[in-house]
Amino acid sequence: MRFDVLTIFPEALTGFLSVGVLGQAMENRLVSVHLHDLRDFTDDRHRVVDDRPYGGGPGMLLKVEPLVRGIEEISSRMEGHNYRKVLLSSQGRMFTQRDAIEWGKLDGLLLVCGRYEGVDERVVEFVDDEVSIGDYVLTGGEVAAAVIIEATARMLPGIVGRFESVTSDSFYNKNYLGPPQYTRPPEFRGLSVPEVLLSGDHARIERLREERAWEKTMRNRPDLIGLEHAPERAPQQTQDLDRVNDDG
């Protein structure tokens, strides 16, 4: 799969893309990432990409001409392929795991990074989608581009060693979080790994993991299961649940 990123700071992504799972995927040619400097699509000697907003207001906006020129030139290289153009914006809809799964089926994805106070609104007419990675504002879209590239690339065959580790992730075709996980040592500063996980009884282990996944979802993301606020539970109730699970 091919990823294109249109940005005024292509160097902001080079380090991130060279390490870990993504770095290995690029080495093995499972994915390719092409970084494009927005200034290369200007037509003035000073390579200006921003200007003041009409109507006044603080900050600067990225200009429509270089953005659209870049979008059209980059996407023309993927003509005839299943290719999607996405503007990264705090005003966009929320990016989800479902998007990562669906976009992982594409031949390519162009991510257009906003900057400063945003982009000229007319740019929206030249992309397929406008997305945000969360209800907060970043200085630019480069971090969002990194998030989307990694989340989407993980959905491709061969990127992650065992695909079961992907299907057990939070949000993967389910509306609740993944279960808490533990590794050695079995006890640390008085905190013990649940005995069931050490038992070798796979049926009990799966039952415990499912229970803990729902418990964690209710505590950290009650909105996923239609609750406005997380229910409070006394420490004694938590201990009682642990005892029930450990006893089978």
Protein backbone atom coordinates (compact mmCIF):
# COMPACT_ATOMS: atom_id res chain seq x y z
CA MET A 1 0.00 0.00 0.00
CA ARG A 2 1.16 3.52 -0.80
CA PHE A 3 0.82 6.46 1.60
CA ASP A 4 1.36 10.03 0.43
CA VAL A 5 1.65 12.91 2.88
CA LEU A 6 1.38 16.55 1.81
CA THR A 7 2.93 18.80 4.47
CA ILE A 8 5.10 21.84 5.01
CA PHE A 9 7.27 19.81 7.39
CA PRO A 10 8.09 16.46 5.73
CA GLU A 11 11.11 16.07 8.01
CA ALA A 12 8.76 15.81 11.00
CA LEU A 13 7.79 12.28 9.90
CA THR A 14 11.06 10.76 8.74
CA GLY A 15 12.21 9.51 12.14
CA PHE A 16 8.85 8.01 13.06
CA LEU A 17 8.57 6.16 9.77
CA SER A 18 12.03 4.59 10.00
CA VAL A 19 11.59 2.54 13.20
CA GLY A 20 9.53 -0.36 14.55
CA VAL A 21 6.81 -2.12 12.61
CA LEU A 22 6.55 0.64 10.01
CA GLY A 23 10.28 0.74 9.39
CA GLN A 24 10.33 -3.03 8.84
CA ALA A 25 7.27 -2.86 6.58
CA MET A 26 8.96 -0.25 4.42
CA GLU A 27 12.18 -2.28 4.29
CA ASN A 28 10.17 -5.31 3.16
CA ARG A 29 8.26 -3.17 0.65
CA LEU A 30 4.91 -4.02 2.17
CA VAL A 31 4.14 -0.30 2.36
CA SER A 32 5.69 2.82 0.88
CA VAL A 33 5.42 6.32 2.31
CA HIS A 34 6.09 9.37 0.14
CA LEU A 35 6.50 12.76 1.82
CA HIS A 36 5.70 15.83 -0.28
CA ASP A 37 6.71 19.39 0.64
CA LEU A 38 3.76 21.74 0.09
CA ARG A 39 6.19 24.50 -0.90
CA ASP A 40 7.09 22.51 -4.01
CA PHE A 41 3.60 23.27 -5.33
CA THR A 42 3.81 27.06 -5.05
CA ASP A 43 4.37 29.31 -8.07
CA ASP A 44 6.06 32.34 -6.51
CA ARG A 45 9.76 32.90 -5.84
CA HIS A 46 9.27 33.03 -2.05
CA ARG A 47 7.31 29.75 -1.99
CA VAL A 48 4.54 31.24 0.15
CA VAL A 49 1.94 28.72 1.38
CA ASP A 50 -0.09 30.80 3.86
CA ASP A 51 -2.00 34.08 4.08
CA ARG A 52 -4.27 36.02 6.43
CA PRO A 53 -7.93 34.96 6.64
CA TYR A 54 -10.63 37.06 4.98
CA GLY A 55 -12.80 38.78 7.58
CA GLY A 56 -9.95 39.10 10.04
CA GLY A 57 -8.97 36.93 12.95
CA PRO A 58 -5.78 35.59 14.49
CA GLY A 59 -3.28 33.35 12.77
CA MET A 60 -2.72 32.33 9.18
CA LEU A 61 -4.38 29.87 6.82
CA LEU A 62 -2.81 27.55 4.28
CA LYS A 63 -3.64 28.83 0.80
CA VAL A 64 -5.94 26.94 -1.53
CA GLU A 65 -3.75 27.09 -4.67
CA PRO A 66 -0.67 25.10 -3.54
CA LEU A 67 -2.82 22.60 -1.62
CA VAL A 68 -5.07 21.81 -4.57
CA ARG A 69 -2.13 21.78 -6.96
CA GLY A 70 -0.38 19.27 -4.70
CA ILE A 71 -3.49 17.13 -4.23
CA GLU A 72 -4.15 16.94 -7.96
CA GLU A 73 -0.56 16.26 -8.99
CA ILE A 74 0.06 13.59 -6.34
CA SER A 75 -3.26 11.80 -6.88
CA SER A 76 -2.79 11.82 -10.68
CA ARG A 77 0.06 9.33 -10.15
CA MET A 78 -2.47 6.88 -8.71
CA GLU A 79 -5.10 7.28 -11.42
CA GLY A 80 -6.94 4.03 -11.97
CA HIS A 81 -6.14 2.75 -8.48
CA ASN A 82 -8.32 2.56 -5.39
CA TYR A 83 -6.99 5.78 -3.87
CA ARG A 84 -8.44 8.09 -1.22
CA LYS A 85 -7.63 11.73 -0.41
CA VAL A 86 -8.07 12.81 3.21
CA LEU A 87 -7.73 16.24 4.81
CA LEU A 88 -6.53 16.12 8.42
CA SER A 89 -8.41 18.75 10.38
CA SER A 90 -9.68 19.35 13.92
CA GLN A 91 -13.03 20.13 12.25
CA GLY A 92 -13.25 16.70 10.61
CA ARG A 93 -15.19 13.64 11.69
CA MET A 94 -13.50 11.27 14.11
CA PHE A 95 -11.05 8.71 12.72
CA THR A 96 -11.86 5.22 14.05
CA GLN A 97 -10.56 1.67 13.90
CA ARG A 98 -13.25 0.99 11.31
CA ASP A 99 -11.59 3.57 9.05
CA ALA A 100 -8.22 1.88 9.56
CA ILE A 101 -9.71 -1.48 8.56
CA GLU A 102 -11.45 -0.09 5.47
CA TRP A 103 -8.54 2.10 4.36
CA GLY A 104 -6.23 -0.89 4.69
CA LYS A 105 -8.06 -2.33 1.66
CA LEU A 106 -7.06 0.63 -0.53
CA ASP A 107 -4.16 0.82 -2.96
CA GLY A 108 -3.18 4.20 -1.60
CA LEU A 109 -4.04 7.05 0.75
CA LEU A 110 -3.16 10.74 0.50
CA LEU A 111 -3.05 12.59 3.83
CA VAL A 112 -3.16 16.38 3.61
CA CYS A 113 -1.77 18.06 6.73
CA GLY A 114 -3.28 21.30 7.96
CA ARG A 115 -1.17 23.84 9.83
CA TYR A 116 -1.55 27.18 11.66
CA GLU A 117 -5.25 28.09 11.94
CA GLY A 118 -6.19 25.52 9.32
CA VAL A 119 -6.72 25.55 5.56
CA ASP A 120 -8.85 27.51 3.14
CA GLU A 121 -12.26 25.81 3.33
CA ARG A 122 -12.39 25.38 -0.45
CA VAL A 123 -9.77 22.64 -0.15
CA VAL A 124 -12.50 20.36 1.26
CA GLU A 125 -14.04 20.22 -2.23
CA PHE A 126 -10.91 18.51 -3.58
CA VAL A 127 -10.64 15.64 -1.06
CA ASP A 128 -12.77 12.59 -0.28
CA ASP A 129 -12.89 12.98 3.47
CA GLU A 130 -12.02 15.29 6.37
CA VAL A 131 -10.99 13.59 9.61
CA SER A 132 -9.69 14.34 13.09
CA ILE A 133 -7.90 11.96 15.47
CA GLY A 134 -9.46 13.43 18.62
CA ASP A 135 -11.31 16.26 20.31
CA TYR A 136 -8.28 18.50 20.72
CA VAL A 137 -6.25 20.83 18.52
CA LEU A 138 -2.72 20.13 17.27
CA THR A 139 -0.33 22.64 15.76
CA GLY A 140 -0.35 20.66 12.53
CA GLY A 141 -1.55 17.47 10.92
CA GLU A 142 1.78 15.63 10.88
CA VAL A 143 1.14 13.79 14.16
CA ALA A 144 -2.33 12.83 12.91
CA ALA A 145 -0.79 11.55 9.67
CA ALA A 146 1.61 9.36 11.66
CA VAL A 147 -1.29 7.97 13.70
CA ILE A 148 -3.36 7.13 10.64
CA ILE A 149 -0.45 5.58 8.73
CA GLU A 150 0.41 3.27 11.63
CA ALA A 151 -3.20 2.36 12.45
CA THR A 152 -3.97 1.61 8.80
CA ALA A 153 -0.70 -0.19 8.02
CA ARG A 154 -1.31 -2.58 10.94
CA MET A 155 -4.36 -3.87 9.08
CA LEU A 156 -2.25 -5.08 6.13
CA PRO A 157 -1.21 -8.76 5.87
CA GLY A 158 2.37 -9.36 6.97
CA ILE A 159 2.84 -6.09 8.88
CA VAL A 160 2.26 -7.54 12.35
CA GLY A 161 3.86 -10.93 13.06
CA ARG A 162 0.71 -12.63 14.38
CA PHE A 163 -2.55 -11.19 13.08
CA GLU A 164 -4.34 -12.52 16.19
CA SER A 165 -2.65 -9.70 18.09
CA VAL A 166 -4.51 -7.26 15.82
CA THR A 167 -7.91 -8.93 16.06
CA SER A 168 -7.70 -8.89 19.87
CA ASP A 169 -7.00 -5.13 19.93
CA SER A 170 -9.39 -2.62 21.39
CA PHE A 171 -12.02 -1.51 18.86
CA TYR A 172 -11.27 -4.26 16.33
CA ASN A 173 -14.79 -5.21 15.18
CA LYS A 174 -16.12 -4.70 18.69
CA ASN A 175 -17.49 -1.87 20.79
CA TYR A 176 -15.37 -2.43 23.87
CA LEU A 177 -11.72 -2.25 24.89
CA GLY A 178 -9.23 -5.07 24.90
CA PRO A 179 -8.54 -6.85 28.20
CA PRO A 180 -5.76 -5.90 30.63
CA GLN A 181 -2.56 -7.87 29.98
CA TYR A 182 0.22 -9.06 32.31
CA THR A 183 3.71 -10.53 32.02
CA ARG A 184 6.54 -11.56 34.37
CA PRO A 185 7.09 -11.20 37.28
CA PRO A 186 3.91 -12.71 38.79
CA GLU A 187 4.12 -10.27 41.72
CA PHE A 188 5.45 -6.71 41.87
CA ARG A 189 5.31 -4.51 44.97
CA GLY A 190 2.33 -6.39 46.34
CA LEU A 191 0.45 -6.38 43.02
CA SER A 192 -0.23 -9.90 41.79
CA VAL A 193 -1.19 -11.27 38.41
CA PRO A 194 -4.63 -12.92 38.58
CA GLU A 195 -4.11 -16.59 39.40
CA VAL A 196 -6.37 -17.69 36.56
CA LEU A 197 -3.82 -16.43 34.03
CA LEU A 198 -1.20 -18.74 35.54
CA SER A 199 -3.49 -21.78 35.61
CA GLY A 200 -3.21 -22.93 31.99
CA ASP A 201 -7.00 -23.31 31.90
CA HIS A 202 -7.76 -21.57 28.60
CA ALA A 203 -11.53 -21.52 29.05
CA ARG A 204 -11.23 -19.75 32.42
CA ILE A 205 -8.57 -17.42 31.05
CA GLU A 206 -10.79 -16.33 28.16
CA ARG A 207 -13.73 -15.85 30.53
CA LEU A 208 -11.62 -13.69 32.83
CA ARG A 209 -10.25 -11.63 29.96
CA GLU A 210 -13.72 -10.93 28.62
CA GLU A 211 -14.97 -9.91 32.06
CA ARG A 212 -11.98 -7.63 32.61
CA ALA A 213 -12.37 -6.12 29.13
CA TRP A 214 -15.95 -5.10 29.90
CA GLU A 215 -14.90 -3.86 33.33
CA LYS A 216 -12.18 -1.66 31.86
CA THR A 217 -14.54 -0.37 29.18
CA MET A 218 -17.08 0.66 31.80
CA ARG A 219 -14.36 2.40 33.79
CA ASN A 220 -12.45 4.19 31.01
CA ARG A 221 -14.84 4.42 28.03
CA PRO A 222 -18.45 4.08 29.22
CA ASP A 223 -19.54 6.00 26.13
CA LEU A 224 -18.72 2.94 24.02
CA ILE A 225 -21.52 0.98 25.66
CA GLY A 226 -24.03 3.81 25.91
CA LEU A 227 -23.26 5.00 29.43
CA GLU A 228 -22.72 8.71 29.99
CA HIS A 229 -20.58 8.29 33.09
CA ALA A 230 -18.49 5.42 34.40
CA PRO A 231 -20.12 3.67 37.37
CA GLU A 232 -18.12 3.90 40.57
CA ARG A 233 -17.23 0.66 42.29
CA ALA A 234 -15.88 0.31 45.79
CA PRO A 235 -12.48 -1.36 46.32
CA GLN A 236 -14.17 -4.24 48.17
CA GLN A 237 -16.28 -4.98 45.09
CA THR A 238 -13.12 -5.19 42.98
CA GLN A 239 -11.57 -7.60 45.47
CA ASP A 240 -14.73 -9.72 45.45
CA LEU A 241 -14.63 -9.93 41.65
CA ASP A 242 -10.97 -10.95 41.76
CA ARG A 243 -11.78 -13.69 44.28
CA VAL A 244 -14.67 -15.01 42.15
CA ASN A 245 -12.49 -15.07 39.03
CA ASP A 246 -9.54 -16.66 40.77
CA ASP A 247 -11.76 -19.34 42.31
CA GLY A 248 -13.37 -20.05 38.92
